[in-house]
Amino acid sequence: MLVNMTDRAPTRTAGRVRTYDALAIPLTDDVTETALRLMEAAADAFADKGFHATTTRDVASRAGLSPAGVYVHFASKEELLFSICMRGHTAARDMIVDAAAAADSPVDALAAIMTNFSRWHAEHYRVGRIVQYEFAHLTPAHREAVMGLRKEIDAQVRSVLLDGIGRGDFVIDDVPHTTLALMSLCIDVARWYQPGIKRTPAEIGETNGRLGLRLAGARWAAT
């Protein structure tokens, strides 16, 4: 499940929205195969049982290691959670930045952000639930680092909205609250999504892309 990040080069889809393939946790040079396997096992365990109910023995068992093997790579269960949260937020942040940078207009940028961010939370709903709803269990220092990435994501969306307002593409009275509403629409997908439901991740992304434009008061969104 959590393997190397695929090529993030965008591909053109129907209309003006580009899609970006980003796995839940990007693999970097400083992560060993065993450490990645432990993060994968921890992600599954946290998603199934919650952070507090999961033990290092649970994680080790899912990874095919002894409990002592966990501590070779991670000092604690909390550090495992921190690694998952940081890598998940980094993958999401990079995808959003790429989507905005490749767009031809604020309208295209917002549609791409909403489409891709929503699809990511459906495709990686188990990790999405952890990075969005379990990070409160981190230590203050680790939580601050994760919050830094979340602020970068919000700042990118606010920048797109402000650019759209300046060009006359969006009609928004309250940019901070609109940003919160837009991001909440995407993030909540991880809470309710289950494989096998009627709508695919791609369809969910397309729907939320259109809803996002309506929330931003895009002039043509109601047509």
Protein backbone atom coordinates (compact mmCIF):
# COMPACT_ATOMS: atom_id res chain seq x y z
CA MET A 1 0.00 0.00 0.00
CA LEU A 2 2.57 2.59 1.06
CA VAL A 3 5.20 2.27 -1.60
CA ASN A 4 7.36 4.68 -3.49
CA MET A 5 5.69 7.83 -4.72
CA THR A 6 4.89 7.60 -8.41
CA ASP A 7 5.87 10.15 -10.98
CA ARG A 8 3.89 13.26 -10.13
CA ALA A 9 3.86 14.53 -13.69
CA PRO A 10 0.30 15.69 -14.39
CA THR A 11 -1.93 14.19 -17.03
CA ARG A 12 -4.65 16.07 -18.85
CA THR A 13 -8.18 14.87 -18.18
CA ALA A 14 -11.52 15.92 -19.59
CA GLY A 15 -12.07 19.64 -19.21
CA ARG A 16 -9.39 21.76 -17.59
CA VAL A 17 -8.54 19.68 -14.52
CA ARG A 18 -5.25 17.85 -14.28
CA THR A 19 -4.93 14.85 -11.98
CA TYR A 20 -1.84 14.04 -9.91
CA ASP A 21 -0.92 10.59 -8.67
CA ALA A 22 0.61 10.79 -5.20
CA LEU A 23 0.81 7.84 -2.87
CA ALA A 24 -0.03 8.21 0.78
CA ILE A 25 3.55 8.31 2.05
CA PRO A 26 6.40 9.29 -0.28
CA LEU A 27 9.48 7.14 0.08
CA THR A 28 12.69 9.10 0.61
CA ASP A 29 16.33 8.08 0.74
CA ASP A 30 16.45 8.21 4.54
CA VAL A 31 13.78 5.51 4.96
CA THR A 32 14.69 1.83 4.87
CA GLU A 33 12.40 -0.83 3.48
CA THR A 34 11.81 -2.15 7.01
CA ALA A 35 10.93 1.30 8.34
CA LEU A 36 8.47 1.76 5.49
CA ARG A 37 6.94 -1.63 6.27
CA LEU A 38 6.53 -0.56 9.89
CA MET A 39 4.83 2.68 8.85
CA GLU A 40 2.52 0.67 6.61
CA ALA A 41 1.68 -1.71 9.44
CA ALA A 42 1.16 1.16 11.88
CA ALA A 43 -1.12 2.97 9.44
CA ASP A 44 -3.31 -0.11 9.17
CA ALA A 45 -3.34 -0.66 12.93
CA PHE A 46 -4.11 2.98 13.77
CA ALA A 47 -6.89 3.01 11.19
CA ASP A 48 -8.41 -0.19 12.56
CA LYS A 49 -8.02 0.37 16.31
CA GLY A 50 -7.10 3.99 16.87
CA PHE A 51 -3.78 5.31 18.14
CA HIS A 52 -4.29 4.68 21.86
CA ALA A 53 -5.63 1.15 21.45
CA THR A 54 -2.77 0.10 19.18
CA THR A 55 0.34 -1.36 20.80
CA THR A 56 3.83 -1.68 19.40
CA ARG A 57 3.23 -5.44 19.50
CA ASP A 58 0.26 -4.94 17.15
CA VAL A 59 2.45 -2.98 14.75
CA ALA A 60 5.31 -5.46 14.92
CA SER A 61 2.98 -8.40 14.29
CA ARG A 62 1.49 -6.77 11.20
CA ALA A 63 4.98 -5.98 9.92
CA GLY A 64 6.26 -9.50 10.55
CA LEU A 65 8.79 -8.36 13.16
CA SER A 66 9.39 -8.87 16.86
CA PRO A 67 8.26 -6.04 19.19
CA ALA A 68 11.91 -5.17 19.75
CA GLY A 69 12.32 -4.71 16.01
CA VAL A 70 10.08 -1.64 16.09
CA TYR A 71 12.47 0.22 18.37
CA VAL A 72 15.40 -0.29 16.02
CA HIS A 73 13.71 2.16 13.64
CA PHE A 74 11.35 4.22 15.81
CA ALA A 75 11.85 5.33 19.39
CA SER A 76 8.15 5.09 20.20
CA LYS A 77 4.66 4.54 18.87
CA GLU A 78 4.26 8.31 18.83
CA GLU A 79 7.29 8.66 16.55
CA LEU A 80 5.69 6.20 14.15
CA LEU A 81 2.56 8.32 14.09
CA PHE A 82 4.66 11.44 13.53
CA SER A 83 6.46 9.88 10.56
CA ILE A 84 3.17 8.88 8.95
CA CYS A 85 1.63 12.29 9.56
CA MET A 86 4.61 14.20 8.20
CA ARG A 87 4.92 12.10 5.06
CA GLY A 88 1.19 12.07 4.42
CA HIS A 89 0.92 15.84 4.80
CA THR A 90 4.01 16.34 2.64
CA ALA A 91 2.53 14.24 -0.16
CA ALA A 92 -0.73 16.19 0.02
CA ARG A 93 1.05 19.55 0.18
CA ASP A 94 3.23 18.78 -2.83
CA MET A 95 0.26 17.59 -4.85
CA ILE A 96 -1.68 20.80 -4.10
CA VAL A 97 1.29 23.02 -4.93
CA ASP A 98 1.83 21.19 -8.22
CA ALA A 99 -1.85 21.44 -9.12
CA ALA A 100 -1.94 25.18 -8.48
CA ALA A 101 1.35 25.82 -10.29
CA ALA A 102 0.27 24.01 -13.45
CA ALA A 103 -3.15 25.71 -13.72
CA ASP A 104 -3.84 28.45 -16.25
CA SER A 105 -6.17 30.44 -13.97
CA PRO A 106 -7.40 30.61 -10.35
CA VAL A 107 -10.57 28.78 -11.41
CA ASP A 108 -8.53 25.96 -12.93
CA ALA A 109 -6.25 25.92 -9.88
CA LEU A 110 -9.10 25.63 -7.38
CA ALA A 111 -10.82 22.94 -9.43
CA ALA A 112 -7.56 20.95 -9.58
CA ILE A 113 -6.88 21.36 -5.87
CA MET A 114 -10.36 20.27 -4.84
CA THR A 115 -10.45 17.39 -7.31
CA ASN A 116 -7.05 16.00 -6.41
CA PHE A 117 -7.21 16.60 -2.65
CA SER A 118 -10.61 14.89 -2.45
CA ARG A 119 -9.50 11.97 -4.62
CA TRP A 120 -6.37 11.55 -2.50
CA HIS A 121 -8.46 11.25 0.66
CA ALA A 122 -10.60 8.58 -0.98
CA GLU A 123 -7.77 6.57 -2.52
CA HIS A 124 -5.75 6.73 0.71
CA TYR A 125 -8.63 6.93 3.16
CA ARG A 126 -6.93 4.86 5.86
CA VAL A 127 -3.84 7.05 5.96
CA GLY A 128 -6.05 10.10 5.45
CA ARG A 129 -7.94 9.31 8.64
CA ILE A 130 -4.68 9.11 10.55
CA VAL A 131 -3.03 12.27 9.26
CA GLN A 132 -6.23 14.30 9.63
CA TYR A 133 -7.74 12.94 12.83
CA GLU A 134 -4.97 11.30 14.88
CA PHE A 135 -2.26 13.97 14.77
CA ALA A 136 -3.65 15.48 17.99
CA HIS A 137 -1.93 12.61 19.84
CA LEU A 138 1.51 13.88 18.84
CA THR A 139 3.87 15.62 21.24
CA PRO A 140 3.68 19.44 21.16
CA ALA A 141 6.89 19.71 19.12
CA HIS A 142 5.76 17.11 16.58
CA ARG A 143 2.28 18.59 16.40
CA GLU A 144 3.80 21.98 15.64
CA ALA A 145 5.78 20.50 12.74
CA VAL A 146 2.64 18.93 11.28
CA MET A 147 0.71 22.14 11.78
CA GLY A 148 3.37 23.90 9.75
CA LEU A 149 2.54 21.70 6.76
CA ARG A 150 -1.19 22.21 7.29
CA LYS A 151 -0.63 25.97 7.29
CA GLU A 152 1.29 25.68 4.02
CA ILE A 153 -1.67 23.85 2.48
CA ASP A 154 -4.13 26.48 3.72
CA ALA A 155 -1.85 29.28 2.52
CA GLN A 156 -1.76 27.79 -0.98
CA VAL A 157 -5.55 27.63 -1.13
CA ARG A 158 -5.94 31.16 0.24
CA SER A 159 -3.48 32.41 -2.37
CA VAL A 160 -5.58 30.89 -5.15
CA LEU A 161 -8.76 32.41 -3.71
CA LEU A 162 -7.22 35.86 -3.37
CA ASP A 163 -5.86 35.68 -6.90
CA GLY A 164 -9.32 34.71 -8.15
CA ILE A 165 -10.95 37.56 -6.26
CA GLY A 166 -8.44 40.01 -7.70
CA ARG A 167 -9.20 38.81 -11.24
CA GLY A 168 -12.94 38.91 -10.68
CA ASP A 169 -13.30 35.12 -10.99
CA PHE A 170 -14.52 34.50 -7.42
CA VAL A 171 -17.05 36.25 -5.19
CA ILE A 172 -16.02 35.59 -1.56
CA ASP A 173 -16.85 37.61 1.53
CA ASP A 174 -14.68 35.71 4.01
CA VAL A 175 -11.53 34.08 2.61
CA PRO A 176 -10.37 32.30 5.83
CA HIS A 177 -13.75 30.66 6.44
CA THR A 178 -14.15 29.76 2.77
CA THR A 179 -10.71 28.14 2.85
CA LEU A 180 -11.74 26.14 5.92
CA ALA A 181 -14.98 25.03 4.25
CA LEU A 182 -13.17 23.97 1.07
CA MET A 183 -10.51 21.98 2.89
CA SER A 184 -13.09 20.39 5.20
CA LEU A 185 -15.04 19.16 2.18
CA CYS A 186 -11.95 17.34 0.93
CA ILE A 187 -10.68 16.04 4.26
CA ASP A 188 -14.05 14.64 5.34
CA VAL A 189 -13.92 12.19 2.44
CA ALA A 190 -11.44 10.08 4.44
CA ARG A 191 -13.95 9.80 7.28
CA TRP A 192 -16.85 8.35 5.30
CA TYR A 193 -15.26 6.73 2.26
CA GLN A 194 -15.25 2.94 2.00
CA PRO A 195 -14.13 0.79 -0.95
CA GLY A 196 -17.05 -0.57 -2.92
CA ILE A 197 -19.35 2.41 -2.51
CA LYS A 198 -21.19 3.61 -5.58
CA ARG A 199 -18.90 6.52 -6.41
CA THR A 200 -15.24 6.04 -7.32
CA PRO A 201 -12.46 8.25 -5.92
CA ALA A 202 -12.25 9.96 -9.31
CA GLU A 203 -15.98 10.70 -9.31
CA ILE A 204 -15.80 12.03 -5.75
CA GLY A 205 -12.97 14.30 -6.80
CA GLU A 206 -14.88 15.63 -9.79
CA THR A 207 -17.97 16.30 -7.68
CA ASN A 208 -16.01 18.14 -5.01
CA GLY A 209 -14.18 20.09 -7.67
CA ARG A 210 -17.50 21.48 -8.91
CA LEU A 211 -18.77 22.08 -5.36
CA GLY A 212 -15.59 23.94 -4.53
CA LEU A 213 -16.09 26.35 -7.39
CA ARG A 214 -19.64 27.02 -6.21
CA LEU A 215 -18.41 27.69 -2.67
CA ALA A 216 -15.91 30.15 -4.07
CA GLY A 217 -18.62 31.91 -6.07
CA ALA A 218 -17.03 31.15 -9.43
CA ARG A 219 -19.04 33.09 -11.97
CA TRP A 220 -19.67 30.18 -14.32
CA ALA A 221 -20.02 27.43 -11.67
CA ALA A 222 -23.81 27.56 -11.59
CA THR A 223 -24.12 26.88 -15.31
